[in-house]
């Protein structure tokens, strides 16, 4: 209980700081997209599964073309993209990604709007990454265990390979955090995340 209390307090503090950072970053990203002729929204929401299986909307800066979902359906008709998507639930060299999107992804800038999710209690700074509905079941995961904690902006998997590991190993890393979560581990992951962001390791 003490651990959960202090974790929530830190989430609120970091969430508030993150929202202060969000405003100027949003303005810069918006101007950059407008400069390229893209006047669509730069923040988008997507349904994810949270603690106890509750579905919520996660917020991110858009790193892809505005009609990315429609284009994904077309891409998955091609074998090479379908196989990669089935294995990783993402495309390493995604043709839908914009030039600006590649830059903000490399620096994990696209994740900044999630500080709002952290502040209102849907997410934590550290935890398993939130998955889309049905994703975990499709890969033979354990929903009861995975959803027993709040999803996080960063986590054990995020700092140990991220996009460079397959889905099976990813789940093992996420389960490790759930089984061994502690204040010390959270602090370690937090600082490893800062290092990973500067090194741009595993970011695609």
N, C-alpha and C. Protein backbone atom coordinates (compact mmCIF):
# COMPACT_ATOMS: atom_id res chain seq x y z
N UNK A 1 0.83 -1.21 0.00
CA UNK A 1 0.00 0.00 0.00
C UNK A 1 0.86 1.26 0.00
N UNK A 2 1.96 1.23 0.76
CA UNK A 2 2.87 2.39 0.81
C UNK A 2 3.47 2.63 -0.57
N UNK A 3 3.89 1.54 -1.21
CA UNK A 3 4.48 1.63 -2.55
C UNK A 3 3.47 2.23 -3.53
N UNK A 4 2.24 1.75 -3.51
CA UNK A 4 1.21 2.23 -4.43
C UNK A 4 0.89 3.71 -4.18
N UNK A 5 0.90 4.10 -2.89
CA UNK A 5 0.61 5.49 -2.55
C UNK A 5 1.66 6.43 -3.12
N UNK A 6 2.94 6.12 -2.86
CA UNK A 6 4.01 6.99 -3.34
C UNK A 6 4.13 6.95 -4.85
N UNK A 7 3.81 5.80 -5.45
CA UNK A 7 3.85 5.71 -6.90
C UNK A 7 2.81 6.64 -7.50
N UNK A 8 1.64 6.69 -6.92
CA UNK A 8 0.57 7.56 -7.42
C UNK A 8 0.94 9.03 -7.23
N UNK A 9 1.55 9.36 -6.10
CA UNK A 9 1.98 10.74 -5.83
C UNK A 9 2.98 11.18 -6.89
N UNK A 10 3.95 10.33 -7.17
CA UNK A 10 4.95 10.65 -8.19
C UNK A 10 4.33 10.75 -9.57
N UNK A 11 3.35 9.89 -9.86
CA UNK A 11 2.65 9.96 -11.14
C UNK A 11 1.99 11.32 -11.32
N UNK A 12 1.38 11.82 -10.26
CA UNK A 12 0.69 13.12 -10.33
C UNK A 12 1.69 14.24 -10.56
N UNK A 13 2.81 14.19 -9.82
CA UNK A 13 3.83 15.24 -9.96
C UNK A 13 4.43 15.23 -11.37
N UNK A 14 4.83 14.04 -11.82
CA UNK A 14 5.43 13.92 -13.15
C UNK A 14 4.41 14.24 -14.24
N UNK A 15 3.15 13.84 -14.01
CA UNK A 15 2.09 14.13 -14.97
C UNK A 15 1.88 15.62 -15.15
N UNK A 16 1.91 16.38 -14.05
CA UNK A 16 1.74 17.83 -14.11
C UNK A 16 2.89 18.49 -14.87
N UNK A 17 4.11 18.04 -14.57
CA UNK A 17 5.28 18.58 -15.27
C UNK A 17 5.18 18.25 -16.76
N UNK A 18 4.75 17.04 -17.05
CA UNK A 18 4.62 16.62 -18.44
C UNK A 18 3.62 17.45 -19.22
N UNK A 19 2.52 17.83 -18.57
CA UNK A 19 1.51 18.65 -19.25
C UNK A 19 2.03 20.05 -19.54
N UNK A 20 2.91 20.54 -18.66
CA UNK A 20 3.51 21.86 -18.90
C UNK A 20 4.40 21.79 -20.15
N UNK A 21 5.10 20.67 -20.30
CA UNK A 21 5.97 20.47 -21.46
C UNK A 21 5.13 20.26 -22.73
N UNK A 22 3.96 19.64 -22.56
CA UNK A 22 3.11 19.29 -23.70
C UNK A 22 2.71 20.49 -24.55
N UNK A 23 2.35 21.59 -23.90
CA UNK A 23 1.81 22.75 -24.63
C UNK A 23 2.79 23.30 -25.68
N UNK A 24 4.03 23.65 -25.30
CA UNK A 24 4.95 24.18 -26.33
C UNK A 24 5.34 23.14 -27.38
N UNK A 25 5.43 21.86 -26.96
CA UNK A 25 5.78 20.81 -27.92
C UNK A 25 4.64 20.64 -28.93
N UNK A 26 3.40 20.68 -28.45
CA UNK A 26 2.24 20.58 -29.35
C UNK A 26 2.28 21.70 -30.40
N UNK A 27 2.62 22.91 -29.96
CA UNK A 27 2.66 24.05 -30.86
C UNK A 27 3.73 23.86 -31.94
N UNK A 28 4.90 23.36 -31.55
CA UNK A 28 5.99 23.13 -32.50
C UNK A 28 5.60 22.06 -33.51
N UNK A 29 5.04 20.94 -33.00
CA UNK A 29 4.65 19.84 -33.89
C UNK A 29 3.56 20.30 -34.86
N UNK A 30 2.60 21.08 -34.35
CA UNK A 30 1.51 21.58 -35.19
C UNK A 30 2.05 22.46 -36.32
N UNK A 31 2.96 23.36 -35.98
CA UNK A 31 3.53 24.27 -36.99
C UNK A 31 4.30 23.48 -38.04
N UNK A 32 5.04 22.46 -37.59
CA UNK A 32 5.82 21.63 -38.52
C UNK A 32 4.91 20.91 -39.51
N UNK A 33 3.81 20.36 -39.01
CA UNK A 33 2.87 19.67 -39.90
C UNK A 33 2.21 20.65 -40.87
N UNK A 34 1.84 21.81 -40.38
CA UNK A 34 1.21 22.82 -41.23
C UNK A 34 2.17 23.27 -42.33
N UNK A 35 3.44 23.33 -42.00
CA UNK A 35 4.46 23.74 -42.98
C UNK A 35 4.52 22.75 -44.14
N UNK A 36 4.24 21.47 -43.85
CA UNK A 36 4.26 20.46 -44.90
C UNK A 36 2.92 20.35 -45.63
N UNK A 37 1.95 21.17 -45.22
CA UNK A 37 0.65 21.15 -45.87
C UNK A 37 -0.36 20.23 -45.21
N UNK A 38 -0.02 19.69 -44.04
CA UNK A 38 -0.91 18.79 -43.30
C UNK A 38 -1.59 19.58 -42.19
N UNK A 39 -2.89 19.84 -42.35
CA UNK A 39 -3.62 20.66 -41.38
C UNK A 39 -4.54 19.82 -40.48
N UNK A 40 -4.37 18.51 -40.50
CA UNK A 40 -5.18 17.64 -39.65
C UNK A 40 -4.68 17.68 -38.21
N UNK A 41 -5.46 17.11 -37.30
CA UNK A 41 -5.09 17.09 -35.88
C UNK A 41 -3.75 16.40 -35.67
N UNK A 42 -2.95 16.94 -34.75
CA UNK A 42 -1.63 16.34 -34.49
C UNK A 42 -1.66 15.44 -33.25
N UNK A 43 -2.75 15.48 -32.49
CA UNK A 43 -2.92 14.56 -31.37
C UNK A 43 -4.07 13.63 -31.70
N UNK A 44 -3.84 12.34 -31.58
CA UNK A 44 -4.92 11.39 -31.86
C UNK A 44 -5.11 10.48 -30.66
N UNK A 45 -6.26 9.85 -30.60
CA UNK A 45 -6.56 8.93 -29.50
C UNK A 45 -6.80 7.54 -30.07
N UNK A 46 -6.53 6.55 -29.25
CA UNK A 46 -6.70 5.16 -29.66
C UNK A 46 -7.13 4.35 -28.45
N UNK A 47 -8.03 3.39 -28.66
CA UNK A 47 -8.50 2.57 -27.55
C UNK A 47 -7.42 1.60 -27.09
N UNK A 48 -7.19 1.55 -25.79
CA UNK A 48 -6.24 0.61 -25.18
C UNK A 48 -6.88 -0.03 -23.96
N UNK A 49 -6.33 -1.15 -23.54
CA UNK A 49 -6.84 -1.86 -22.37
C UNK A 49 -6.03 -1.48 -21.14
N UNK A 50 -6.72 -1.06 -20.09
CA UNK A 50 -6.05 -0.64 -18.87
C UNK A 50 -6.19 -1.65 -17.75
N UNK A 51 -6.01 -1.18 -16.53
CA UNK A 51 -6.08 -2.05 -15.36
C UNK A 51 -7.46 -2.69 -15.25
N UNK A 52 -7.46 -3.97 -14.90
CA UNK A 52 -8.69 -4.76 -14.76
C UNK A 52 -9.49 -4.85 -16.06
N UNK A 53 -8.80 -4.65 -17.19
CA UNK A 53 -9.44 -4.81 -18.49
C UNK A 53 -10.29 -3.64 -18.93
N UNK A 54 -10.23 -2.53 -18.19
CA UNK A 54 -11.04 -1.37 -18.55
C UNK A 54 -10.44 -0.66 -19.76
N UNK A 55 -11.26 -0.44 -20.78
CA UNK A 55 -10.79 0.20 -22.01
C UNK A 55 -10.80 1.72 -21.83
N UNK A 56 -9.72 2.37 -22.28
CA UNK A 56 -9.63 3.83 -22.21
C UNK A 56 -8.98 4.35 -23.49
N UNK A 57 -8.99 5.66 -23.65
CA UNK A 57 -8.37 6.28 -24.82
C UNK A 57 -6.99 6.81 -24.46
N UNK A 58 -5.98 6.33 -25.20
CA UNK A 58 -4.62 6.81 -24.99
C UNK A 58 -4.36 7.93 -25.98
N UNK A 59 -3.56 8.92 -25.58
CA UNK A 59 -3.29 10.06 -26.44
C UNK A 59 -1.82 10.09 -26.88
N UNK A 60 -1.61 10.39 -28.15
CA UNK A 60 -0.25 10.46 -28.70
C UNK A 60 -0.19 11.54 -29.78
N UNK A 61 1.03 12.02 -30.03
CA UNK A 61 1.21 12.89 -31.18
C UNK A 61 1.17 12.01 -32.42
N UNK A 62 0.49 12.47 -33.44
CA UNK A 62 0.38 11.70 -34.67
C UNK A 62 1.72 11.67 -35.40
N UNK A 63 2.21 10.46 -35.66
CA UNK A 63 3.47 10.31 -36.38
C UNK A 63 3.23 9.73 -37.78
N UNK A 64 1.96 9.47 -38.10
CA UNK A 64 1.62 8.90 -39.40
C UNK A 64 0.68 9.82 -40.17
N UNK A 65 0.38 9.42 -41.38
CA UNK A 65 -0.60 10.16 -42.17
C UNK A 65 -1.95 10.12 -41.44
N UNK A 66 -2.79 11.09 -41.71
CA UNK A 66 -4.03 11.23 -40.93
C UNK A 66 -4.99 10.05 -41.11
N UNK A 67 -4.94 9.35 -42.25
CA UNK A 67 -5.82 8.21 -42.49
C UNK A 67 -5.05 6.89 -42.38
N UNK A 68 -4.21 6.80 -41.35
CA UNK A 68 -3.32 5.64 -41.17
C UNK A 68 -4.06 4.32 -41.03
N UNK A 69 -5.19 4.31 -40.33
CA UNK A 69 -5.94 3.07 -40.13
C UNK A 69 -6.45 2.50 -41.46
N UNK A 70 -6.90 3.38 -42.31
CA UNK A 70 -7.39 2.95 -43.62
C UNK A 70 -6.25 2.40 -44.47
N UNK A 71 -5.10 3.06 -44.42
CA UNK A 71 -3.95 2.62 -45.19
C UNK A 71 -3.37 1.30 -44.66
N UNK A 72 -3.52 1.06 -43.34
CA UNK A 72 -3.02 -0.19 -42.77
C UNK A 72 -3.76 -1.39 -43.35
N UNK A 73 -5.06 -1.26 -43.52
CA UNK A 73 -5.86 -2.34 -44.08
C UNK A 73 -5.37 -2.71 -45.48
N UNK A 74 -4.96 -1.70 -46.21
CA UNK A 74 -4.45 -1.94 -47.57
C UNK A 74 -3.07 -2.61 -47.51
N UNK A 75 -2.22 -2.16 -46.59
CA UNK A 75 -0.87 -2.71 -46.47
C UNK A 75 -0.90 -4.18 -46.05
N UNK A 76 -1.84 -4.53 -45.17
CA UNK A 76 -1.90 -5.89 -44.65
C UNK A 76 -2.37 -6.90 -45.70
N UNK A 77 -2.76 -6.41 -46.83
CA UNK A 77 -3.10 -7.32 -47.93
C UNK A 77 -1.83 -7.87 -48.58
N UNK A 78 -0.69 -7.21 -48.27
CA UNK A 78 0.60 -7.65 -48.79
C UNK A 78 1.26 -8.59 -47.78
N UNK A 79 1.77 -9.70 -48.24
CA UNK A 79 2.30 -10.75 -47.39
C UNK A 79 3.40 -10.26 -46.44
N UNK A 80 4.36 -9.47 -46.96
CA UNK A 80 5.50 -9.06 -46.14
C UNK A 80 5.06 -8.19 -44.96
N UNK A 81 4.07 -7.34 -45.18
CA UNK A 81 3.57 -6.50 -44.11
C UNK A 81 2.69 -7.30 -43.14
N UNK A 82 1.91 -8.23 -43.67
CA UNK A 82 1.02 -9.05 -42.84
C UNK A 82 1.83 -9.90 -41.86
N UNK A 83 2.91 -10.52 -42.36
CA UNK A 83 3.74 -11.37 -41.50
C UNK A 83 4.42 -10.56 -40.41
N UNK A 84 4.92 -9.38 -40.74
CA UNK A 84 5.58 -8.53 -39.75
C UNK A 84 4.58 -8.02 -38.72
N UNK A 85 3.39 -7.68 -39.17
CA UNK A 85 2.37 -7.18 -38.24
C UNK A 85 1.93 -8.28 -37.28
N UNK A 86 1.77 -9.50 -37.78
CA UNK A 86 1.36 -10.62 -36.94
C UNK A 86 2.41 -10.93 -35.87
N UNK A 87 3.69 -10.70 -36.21
CA UNK A 87 4.78 -11.02 -35.30
C UNK A 87 5.00 -9.93 -34.25
N UNK A 88 4.94 -8.66 -34.67
CA UNK A 88 5.30 -7.56 -33.77
C UNK A 88 4.15 -6.59 -33.45
N UNK A 89 3.04 -6.70 -34.16
CA UNK A 89 1.93 -5.75 -34.02
C UNK A 89 2.35 -4.33 -34.40
N UNK A 90 3.37 -4.22 -35.24
CA UNK A 90 3.82 -2.94 -35.77
C UNK A 90 4.72 -3.21 -36.96
N UNK A 91 4.97 -2.18 -37.75
CA UNK A 91 5.83 -2.31 -38.93
C UNK A 91 7.10 -1.51 -38.70
N UNK A 92 8.25 -2.16 -38.84
CA UNK A 92 9.52 -1.51 -38.58
C UNK A 92 9.76 -0.32 -39.48
N UNK A 93 9.56 -0.48 -40.77
CA UNK A 93 9.71 0.60 -41.73
C UNK A 93 8.33 0.90 -42.30
N UNK A 94 7.51 1.52 -41.47
CA UNK A 94 6.11 1.74 -41.82
C UNK A 94 5.97 2.86 -42.85
N UNK A 95 5.47 2.55 -44.05
CA UNK A 95 5.32 3.57 -45.09
C UNK A 95 4.30 4.65 -44.75
N UNK A 96 3.52 4.45 -43.71
CA UNK A 96 2.53 5.44 -43.32
C UNK A 96 3.14 6.57 -42.49
N UNK A 97 4.35 6.35 -41.99
CA UNK A 97 5.00 7.34 -41.12
C UNK A 97 5.44 8.56 -41.91
N UNK A 98 5.14 9.74 -41.38
CA UNK A 98 5.53 10.98 -42.04
C UNK A 98 6.98 11.33 -41.69
N UNK A 99 7.55 12.29 -42.41
CA UNK A 99 8.92 12.72 -42.13
C UNK A 99 9.02 13.30 -40.71
N UNK A 100 8.02 14.07 -40.34
CA UNK A 100 7.98 14.64 -39.00
C UNK A 100 7.78 13.53 -37.98
N UNK A 101 6.95 12.55 -38.36
CA UNK A 101 6.68 11.43 -37.47
C UNK A 101 7.93 10.62 -37.14
N UNK A 102 8.80 10.46 -38.12
CA UNK A 102 10.04 9.72 -37.89
C UNK A 102 10.91 10.42 -36.85
N UNK A 103 10.91 11.75 -36.90
CA UNK A 103 11.71 12.53 -35.96
C UNK A 103 11.15 12.43 -34.54
N UNK A 104 9.84 12.61 -34.40
CA UNK A 104 9.26 12.59 -33.05
C UNK A 104 9.24 11.18 -32.46
N UNK A 105 9.22 10.16 -33.31
CA UNK A 105 9.29 8.79 -32.81
C UNK A 105 10.68 8.47 -32.28
N UNK A 106 11.69 8.91 -33.03
CA UNK A 106 13.07 8.65 -32.61
C UNK A 106 13.35 9.21 -31.22
N UNK A 107 12.76 10.35 -30.93
CA UNK A 107 12.96 10.96 -29.63
C UNK A 107 11.86 10.65 -28.64
N UNK A 108 10.95 9.73 -29.02
CA UNK A 108 9.80 9.36 -28.18
C UNK A 108 8.93 10.56 -27.83
N UNK A 109 8.99 11.60 -28.64
CA UNK A 109 8.19 12.80 -28.41
C UNK A 109 6.71 12.50 -28.59
N UNK A 110 6.40 11.50 -29.42
CA UNK A 110 5.00 11.16 -29.68
C UNK A 110 4.27 10.67 -28.44
N UNK A 111 5.03 10.26 -27.41
CA UNK A 111 4.42 9.73 -26.19
C UNK A 111 4.01 10.82 -25.19
N UNK A 112 4.48 12.04 -25.37
CA UNK A 112 4.27 13.10 -24.38
C UNK A 112 2.80 13.32 -23.99
N UNK A 113 1.84 13.28 -24.92
CA UNK A 113 0.44 13.48 -24.51
C UNK A 113 -0.08 12.47 -23.49
N UNK A 114 0.62 11.36 -23.32
CA UNK A 114 0.18 10.35 -22.36
C UNK A 114 0.35 10.81 -20.91
N UNK A 115 1.04 11.93 -20.71
CA UNK A 115 1.13 12.47 -19.35
C UNK A 115 -0.28 12.82 -18.85
N UNK A 116 -1.18 13.14 -19.78
CA UNK A 116 -2.57 13.40 -19.39
C UNK A 116 -3.21 12.12 -18.86
N UNK A 117 -2.97 10.99 -19.55
CA UNK A 117 -3.49 9.70 -19.08
C UNK A 117 -2.95 9.35 -17.71
N UNK A 118 -1.68 9.70 -17.47
CA UNK A 118 -1.05 9.43 -16.17
C UNK A 118 -1.70 10.29 -15.10
N UNK A 119 -1.89 11.56 -15.39
CA UNK A 119 -2.43 12.50 -14.41
C UNK A 119 -3.82 12.11 -13.94
N UNK A 120 -4.66 11.63 -14.86
CA UNK A 120 -6.04 11.29 -14.47
C UNK A 120 -6.16 9.85 -13.97
N UNK A 121 -5.03 9.15 -13.90
CA UNK A 121 -5.03 7.84 -13.26
C UNK A 121 -5.28 6.64 -14.15
N UNK A 122 -5.36 6.84 -15.46
CA UNK A 122 -5.57 5.71 -16.37
C UNK A 122 -4.28 4.92 -16.59
N UNK A 123 -3.16 5.63 -16.47
CA UNK A 123 -1.85 5.03 -16.67
C UNK A 123 -0.92 5.44 -15.54
N UNK A 124 0.23 4.80 -15.50
CA UNK A 124 1.30 5.18 -14.57
C UNK A 124 2.51 5.54 -15.42
N UNK A 125 3.49 6.19 -14.83
CA UNK A 125 4.71 6.49 -15.58
C UNK A 125 5.41 5.19 -15.95
N UNK A 126 5.44 4.24 -15.00
CA UNK A 126 6.10 2.95 -15.22
C UNK A 126 5.10 1.81 -15.12
N UNK A 127 5.12 0.92 -16.09
CA UNK A 127 4.21 -0.23 -16.10
C UNK A 127 4.26 -0.91 -17.45
N UNK A 128 3.54 -2.00 -17.63
CA UNK A 128 3.49 -2.66 -18.94
C UNK A 128 2.84 -1.71 -19.96
N UNK A 129 3.31 -1.73 -21.19
CA UNK A 129 2.72 -0.85 -22.20
C UNK A 129 1.28 -1.26 -22.47
N UNK A 130 0.36 -0.28 -22.60
CA UNK A 130 -1.05 -0.59 -22.86
C UNK A 130 -1.25 -1.18 -24.25
N UNK A 131 -2.06 -2.21 -24.34
CA UNK A 131 -2.29 -2.91 -25.61
C UNK A 131 -3.68 -2.60 -26.16
N UNK A 132 -3.84 -2.77 -27.46
CA UNK A 132 -5.14 -2.56 -28.07
C UNK A 132 -6.03 -3.76 -27.72
N UNK A 133 -7.35 -3.58 -27.67
CA UNK A 133 -8.26 -4.68 -27.35
C UNK A 133 -8.05 -5.88 -28.27
N UNK A 134 -7.91 -7.06 -27.68
CA UNK A 134 -7.76 -8.29 -28.45
C UNK A 134 -6.32 -8.65 -28.79
N UNK A 135 -5.39 -7.71 -28.65
CA UNK A 135 -3.99 -7.96 -29.02
C UNK A 135 -3.35 -9.04 -28.16
N UNK A 136 -3.55 -8.96 -26.85
CA UNK A 136 -2.93 -9.91 -25.93
C UNK A 136 -3.46 -11.32 -26.16
N UNK A 137 -4.77 -11.44 -26.32
CA UNK A 137 -5.37 -12.75 -26.56
C UNK A 137 -4.88 -13.36 -27.86
N UNK A 138 -4.69 -12.53 -28.87
CA UNK A 138 -4.23 -13.00 -30.17
C UNK A 138 -2.84 -13.63 -30.09
N UNK A 139 -2.04 -13.17 -29.12
CA UNK A 139 -0.68 -13.67 -28.97
C UNK A 139 -0.54 -14.65 -27.80
N UNK A 140 -1.67 -15.16 -27.32
CA UNK A 140 -1.63 -16.17 -26.27
C UNK A 140 -1.18 -15.66 -24.92
N UNK A 141 -1.41 -14.37 -24.65
CA UNK A 141 -1.01 -13.80 -23.37
C UNK A 141 -2.01 -14.08 -22.27
N UNK A 142 -1.69 -13.61 -21.07
CA UNK A 142 -2.53 -13.81 -19.89
C UNK A 142 -3.18 -12.47 -19.50
N UNK A 143 -4.39 -12.20 -19.96
CA UNK A 143 -5.04 -10.91 -19.69
C UNK A 143 -5.20 -10.62 -18.19
N UNK A 144 -5.52 -11.63 -17.40
CA UNK A 144 -5.73 -11.40 -15.97
C UNK A 144 -4.47 -10.88 -15.31
N UNK A 145 -3.34 -11.46 -15.67
CA UNK A 145 -2.07 -11.03 -15.09
C UNK A 145 -1.62 -9.70 -15.66
N UNK A 146 -1.67 -9.58 -16.98
CA UNK A 146 -1.18 -8.36 -17.64
C UNK A 146 -1.97 -7.13 -17.19
N UNK A 147 -3.27 -7.30 -17.02
CA UNK A 147 -4.13 -6.17 -16.68
C UNK A 147 -4.33 -6.00 -15.17
N UNK A 148 -3.49 -6.67 -14.38
CA UNK A 148 -3.60 -6.55 -12.92
C UNK A 148 -2.97 -5.26 -12.40
N UNK A 149 -2.22 -4.57 -13.25
CA UNK A 149 -1.58 -3.31 -12.87
C UNK A 149 -1.90 -2.25 -13.93
N UNK A 150 -1.68 -1.00 -13.58
CA UNK A 150 -1.88 0.07 -14.54
C UNK A 150 -0.83 -0.01 -15.65
N UNK A 151 -1.21 0.23 -16.88
CA UNK A 151 -0.22 0.28 -17.96
C UNK A 151 0.66 1.52 -17.77
N UNK A 152 1.84 1.52 -18.38
CA UNK A 152 2.76 2.63 -18.17
C UNK A 152 3.24 3.29 -19.45
N UNK A 153 3.76 4.51 -19.31
CA UNK A 153 4.36 5.20 -20.43
C UNK A 153 5.67 4.52 -20.83
N UNK A 154 6.34 3.98 -19.83
CA UNK A 154 7.56 3.22 -20.06
C UNK A 154 7.53 2.00 -19.16
N UNK A 155 8.42 1.06 -19.42
CA UNK A 155 8.40 -0.17 -18.62
C UNK A 155 9.63 -1.02 -18.84
N UNK A 156 9.59 -2.21 -18.28
CA UNK A 156 10.74 -3.12 -18.35
C UNK A 156 11.06 -3.48 -19.79
N UNK A 157 10.02 -3.76 -20.59
CA UNK A 157 10.23 -4.10 -22.00
C UNK A 157 10.77 -2.90 -22.77
N UNK A 158 10.24 -1.71 -22.49
CA UNK A 158 10.62 -0.50 -23.20
C UNK A 158 12.12 -0.23 -23.10
N UNK A 159 12.71 -0.57 -21.95
CA UNK A 159 14.13 -0.28 -21.75
C UNK A 159 15.03 -1.47 -22.08
N UNK A 160 14.44 -2.52 -22.62
CA UNK A 160 15.24 -3.70 -22.95
C UNK A 160 14.96 -4.21 -24.36
N UNK A 161 15.09 -3.30 -25.29
CA UNK A 161 14.97 -3.71 -26.68
C UNK A 161 13.82 -3.09 -27.43
N UNK A 162 12.68 -2.95 -26.77
CA UNK A 162 11.50 -2.34 -27.38
C UNK A 162 11.18 -2.98 -28.72
N UNK A 163 11.29 -2.26 -29.80
CA UNK A 163 10.92 -2.80 -31.11
C UNK A 163 11.90 -3.85 -31.62
N UNK A 164 13.04 -4.04 -30.93
CA UNK A 164 14.05 -4.98 -31.40
C UNK A 164 13.83 -6.40 -30.90
N UNK A 165 12.78 -6.64 -30.10
CA UNK A 165 12.51 -7.98 -29.59
C UNK A 165 11.17 -8.47 -30.12
N UNK A 166 11.03 -9.79 -30.24
CA UNK A 166 9.76 -10.32 -30.75
C UNK A 166 8.69 -10.27 -29.65
N UNK A 167 7.46 -10.58 -30.04
CA UNK A 167 6.33 -10.39 -29.13
C UNK A 167 6.38 -11.34 -27.93
N UNK A 168 6.86 -12.56 -28.14
CA UNK A 168 6.93 -13.54 -27.07
C UNK A 168 7.87 -13.07 -25.97
N UNK A 169 9.03 -12.55 -26.38
CA UNK A 169 9.99 -12.05 -25.39
C UNK A 169 9.45 -10.79 -24.73
N UNK A 170 8.75 -9.98 -25.51
CA UNK A 170 8.16 -8.76 -24.96
C UNK A 170 7.25 -9.09 -23.78
N UNK A 171 6.38 -10.09 -23.96
CA UNK A 171 5.46 -10.46 -22.88
C UNK A 171 6.21 -10.97 -21.65
N UNK A 172 7.29 -11.71 -21.86
CA UNK A 172 8.09 -12.21 -20.73
C UNK A 172 8.66 -11.06 -19.93
N UNK A 173 9.12 -10.03 -20.63
CA UNK A 173 9.68 -8.86 -19.95
C UNK A 173 8.60 -8.10 -19.19
N UNK A 174 7.43 -7.97 -19.79
CA UNK A 174 6.33 -7.28 -19.11
C UNK A 174 5.87 -8.05 -17.87
N UNK A 175 5.80 -9.38 -18.00
CA UNK A 175 5.40 -10.21 -16.86
C UNK A 175 6.44 -10.13 -15.73
N UNK A 176 7.71 -10.01 -16.11
CA UNK A 176 8.77 -9.89 -15.10
C UNK A 176 8.52 -8.66 -14.24
N UNK A 177 8.17 -7.56 -14.88
CA UNK A 177 7.90 -6.34 -14.11
C UNK A 177 6.73 -6.54 -13.16
N UNK A 178 5.66 -7.13 -13.66
CA UNK A 178 4.47 -7.34 -12.85
C UNK A 178 4.80 -8.18 -11.62
N UNK A 179 5.64 -9.19 -11.78
CA UNK A 179 6.00 -10.08 -10.67
C UNK A 179 7.00 -9.46 -9.71
N UNK A 180 7.78 -8.47 -10.17
CA UNK A 180 8.85 -7.92 -9.34
C UNK A 180 8.73 -6.41 -9.11
N UNK A 181 7.57 -5.83 -9.38
CA UNK A 181 7.43 -4.39 -9.26
C UNK A 181 7.77 -3.89 -7.85
N UNK A 182 8.48 -2.78 -7.81
CA UNK A 182 8.89 -2.17 -6.56
C UNK A 182 9.32 -0.74 -6.85
N UNK A 183 9.47 0.06 -5.81
CA UNK A 183 9.89 1.44 -6.00
C UNK A 183 11.28 1.50 -6.61
N UNK A 184 12.17 0.61 -6.14
CA UNK A 184 13.55 0.58 -6.66
C UNK A 184 13.57 0.23 -8.14
N UNK A 185 12.75 -0.74 -8.54
CA UNK A 185 12.70 -1.14 -9.95
C UNK A 185 12.11 -0.01 -10.80
N UNK A 186 11.10 0.68 -10.29
CA UNK A 186 10.50 1.80 -11.03
C UNK A 186 11.53 2.90 -11.28
N UNK A 187 12.32 3.21 -10.25
CA UNK A 187 13.35 4.25 -10.38
C UNK A 187 14.40 3.83 -11.42
N UNK A 188 14.78 2.56 -11.37
CA UNK A 188 15.77 2.04 -12.32
C UNK A 188 15.25 2.14 -13.75
N UNK A 189 14.00 1.75 -13.95
CA UNK A 189 13.39 1.81 -15.28
C UNK A 189 13.27 3.26 -15.75
N UNK A 190 12.90 4.15 -14.84
CA UNK A 190 12.74 5.57 -15.19
C UNK A 190 14.04 6.15 -15.75
N UNK A 191 15.15 5.89 -15.06
CA UNK A 191 16.43 6.44 -15.51
C UNK A 191 16.98 5.71 -16.73
N UNK A 192 16.67 4.42 -16.84
CA UNK A 192 17.06 3.69 -18.05
C UNK A 192 16.29 4.22 -19.26
N UNK A 193 15.05 4.66 -19.03
CA UNK A 193 14.24 5.22 -20.10
C UNK A 193 14.85 6.52 -20.62
N UNK A 194 15.31 7.36 -19.70
CA UNK A 194 15.94 8.61 -20.10
C UNK A 194 17.16 8.33 -20.98
N UNK A 195 17.96 7.33 -20.57
CA UNK A 195 19.12 6.95 -21.35
C UNK A 195 18.74 6.41 -22.71
N UNK A 196 17.67 5.58 -22.74
CA UNK A 196 17.22 4.98 -24.00
C UNK A 196 16.71 6.04 -24.97
N UNK A 197 16.04 7.07 -24.43
CA UNK A 197 15.52 8.15 -25.26
C UNK A 197 16.66 8.91 -25.93
N UNK A 198 17.70 9.20 -25.14
CA UNK A 198 18.85 9.94 -25.70
C UNK A 198 19.62 9.09 -26.71
N UNK A 199 19.66 7.77 -26.46
CA UNK A 199 20.35 6.89 -27.40
C UNK A 199 19.47 6.53 -28.59
N UNK A 200 18.14 6.79 -28.42
CA UNK A 200 17.13 6.43 -29.43
C UNK A 200 17.15 4.94 -29.70
N UNK A 201 17.42 4.13 -28.66
CA UNK A 201 17.50 2.68 -28.84
C UNK A 201 16.13 2.04 -28.90
N UNK A 202 15.91 1.21 -29.91
CA UNK A 202 14.66 0.47 -30.05
C UNK A 202 13.49 1.28 -30.54
N UNK A 203 13.70 2.56 -30.79
CA UNK A 203 12.59 3.42 -31.24
C UNK A 203 12.44 3.34 -32.74
N UNK A 204 11.20 2.96 -33.19
CA UNK A 204 10.92 2.87 -34.63
C UNK A 204 9.55 3.44 -34.91
